Each structure stands twice: as structure tokens, then as C-alpha cells.
Amino acid sequence: MTAKDNLPDVRDGLTRLERVILVELARAQRELGRESVPTDLLYGRVVERCNVSVAEMQAALSRLAGRAAPRPGSTPRNTTARRRRKKVE
């Protein structure tokens, strides 16, 4: 992947890898007839379109699921509010 591929798109903020993951996920869901798709099957489909490591793909999946830190180089939002919530709990 090139540096250009890592830039988020202006329209929706998705990188090329994230967009490929979502497209291939939708295709696999239609073909399998279910919502759940094994990660290794999805990785096989994505790697056919993008040269990506397993770690890069899992990081992108985590970002898409909302369970990971933001992209490298970006500033996390509301870090103070997160710290406050953790102290209160």
C-alpha cells in the first residue's frame, strides 16, 4: 500500500483498505447468506485486492468496529472526558 492509500477519503473518512474490507464483507455476507463472516475468509478476499498484513487488517477491522485507537498521527478526541469516566466508575 502506498502513502496515498492511507489517507482518509474526504467524503466519508475511510481509507482504501477500510473501503475494500467493507465491500468484501458485504459480498461475503451475501454469498454466505448470513451476517457473520470468518475473519480468515475476509482476509483472503481483501488480500487479493490490497497488499496488507494480518496485523494491518485487524487494526483496520478494530477501527471500523470502533474498538481501537485512532489512526496514527491523528489526535484522539475527548481524552480528558474518558479519563474522568474511568475515575468515576
Protein backbone atom coordinates (compact mmCIF):
# COMPACT_ATOMS: atom_id res chain seq x y z
CA MET A 1 0.00 0.00 0.00
CA THR A 2 1.21 3.47 -0.77
CA ALA A 3 1.08 6.53 1.45
CA LYS A 4 -1.84 7.79 -0.62
CA ASP A 5 -3.83 4.66 0.29
CA ASN A 6 -3.52 5.54 3.98
CA LEU A 7 -5.16 8.96 3.57
CA PRO A 8 -8.83 9.05 4.59
CA ASP A 9 -11.27 9.92 1.82
CA VAL A 10 -12.85 13.37 2.13
CA ARG A 11 -16.36 12.02 1.54
CA ASP A 12 -16.58 9.58 4.43
CA GLY A 13 -13.18 9.36 6.14
CA LEU A 14 -12.48 5.77 5.06
CA THR A 15 -9.07 4.68 3.82
CA ARG A 16 -8.76 2.48 0.75
CA LEU A 17 -8.18 -0.58 2.95
CA GLU A 18 -11.25 0.13 5.08
CA ARG A 19 -13.37 0.57 1.96
CA VAL A 20 -12.12 -2.73 0.48
CA ILE A 21 -12.85 -4.50 3.77
CA LEU A 22 -16.42 -3.21 3.83
CA VAL A 23 -17.07 -4.11 0.18
CA GLU A 24 -15.67 -7.62 0.56
CA LEU A 25 -17.54 -8.09 3.84
CA ALA A 26 -20.83 -7.22 2.15
CA ARG A 27 -20.08 -9.60 -0.75
CA ALA A 28 -19.20 -12.45 1.60
CA GLN A 29 -22.35 -11.87 3.67
CA ARG A 30 -24.49 -12.08 0.53
CA GLU A 31 -22.73 -15.22 -0.70
CA LEU A 32 -22.87 -16.99 2.67
CA GLY A 33 -26.40 -15.83 3.39
CA ARG A 34 -25.54 -14.78 6.92
CA GLU A 35 -24.23 -11.75 8.77
CA SER A 36 -21.26 -13.48 10.40
CA VAL A 37 -18.18 -13.90 8.19
CA PRO A 38 -14.99 -15.64 9.38
CA THR A 39 -12.05 -13.25 9.58
CA ASP A 40 -9.73 -15.58 7.65
CA LEU A 41 -12.21 -15.77 4.76
CA LEU A 42 -12.48 -11.98 4.75
CA TYR A 43 -8.68 -11.61 4.90
CA GLY A 44 -8.30 -13.90 1.89
CA ARG A 45 -10.66 -11.73 -0.11
CA VAL A 46 -9.07 -8.46 0.98
CA VAL A 47 -5.51 -9.60 0.33
CA GLU A 48 -6.49 -10.32 -3.29
CA ARG A 49 -7.19 -6.60 -3.73
CA CYS A 50 -4.70 -4.99 -1.30
CA ASN A 51 -1.23 -5.94 -0.19
CA VAL A 52 -1.88 -5.92 3.55
CA SER A 53 -0.57 -7.85 6.55
CA VAL A 54 -2.79 -9.64 9.04
CA ALA A 55 -1.93 -7.06 11.72
CA GLU A 56 -2.84 -4.13 9.43
CA MET A 57 -6.15 -5.74 8.55
CA GLN A 58 -7.01 -6.47 12.16
CA ALA A 59 -6.19 -2.88 13.11
CA ALA A 60 -8.48 -1.63 10.33
CA LEU A 61 -11.24 -4.01 11.45
CA SER A 62 -10.89 -2.71 15.01
CA ARG A 63 -11.17 0.89 13.81
CA LEU A 64 -14.27 0.03 11.77
CA ALA A 65 -15.81 -1.68 14.80
CA GLY A 66 -14.97 1.33 16.98
CA ARG A 67 -12.74 -0.61 19.34
CA ALA A 68 -9.29 0.81 18.66
CA ALA A 69 -7.23 3.92 18.92
CA PRO A 70 -7.48 6.41 16.07
CA ARG A 71 -5.19 6.24 13.04
CA PRO A 72 -1.53 7.02 13.70
CA GLY A 73 -0.88 10.75 13.55
CA SER A 74 -4.40 11.80 14.47
CA THR A 75 -5.30 13.31 17.83
CA PRO A 76 -7.75 11.37 20.00
CA ARG A 77 -10.85 13.34 20.95
CA ASN A 78 -12.23 13.78 24.45
CA THR A 79 -9.29 12.15 26.18
CA THR A 80 -9.99 14.17 29.33
CA ALA A 81 -13.62 13.03 29.40
CA ARG A 82 -12.51 9.40 29.03
CA ARG A 83 -10.14 9.75 31.97
CA ARG A 84 -12.88 11.27 34.11
CA ARG A 85 -15.30 8.45 33.28
CA LYS A 86 -12.72 5.83 34.24
CA LYS A 87 -12.07 7.50 37.60
CA VAL A 88 -15.77 7.76 38.43
CA GLU A 89 -16.50 4.13 37.62
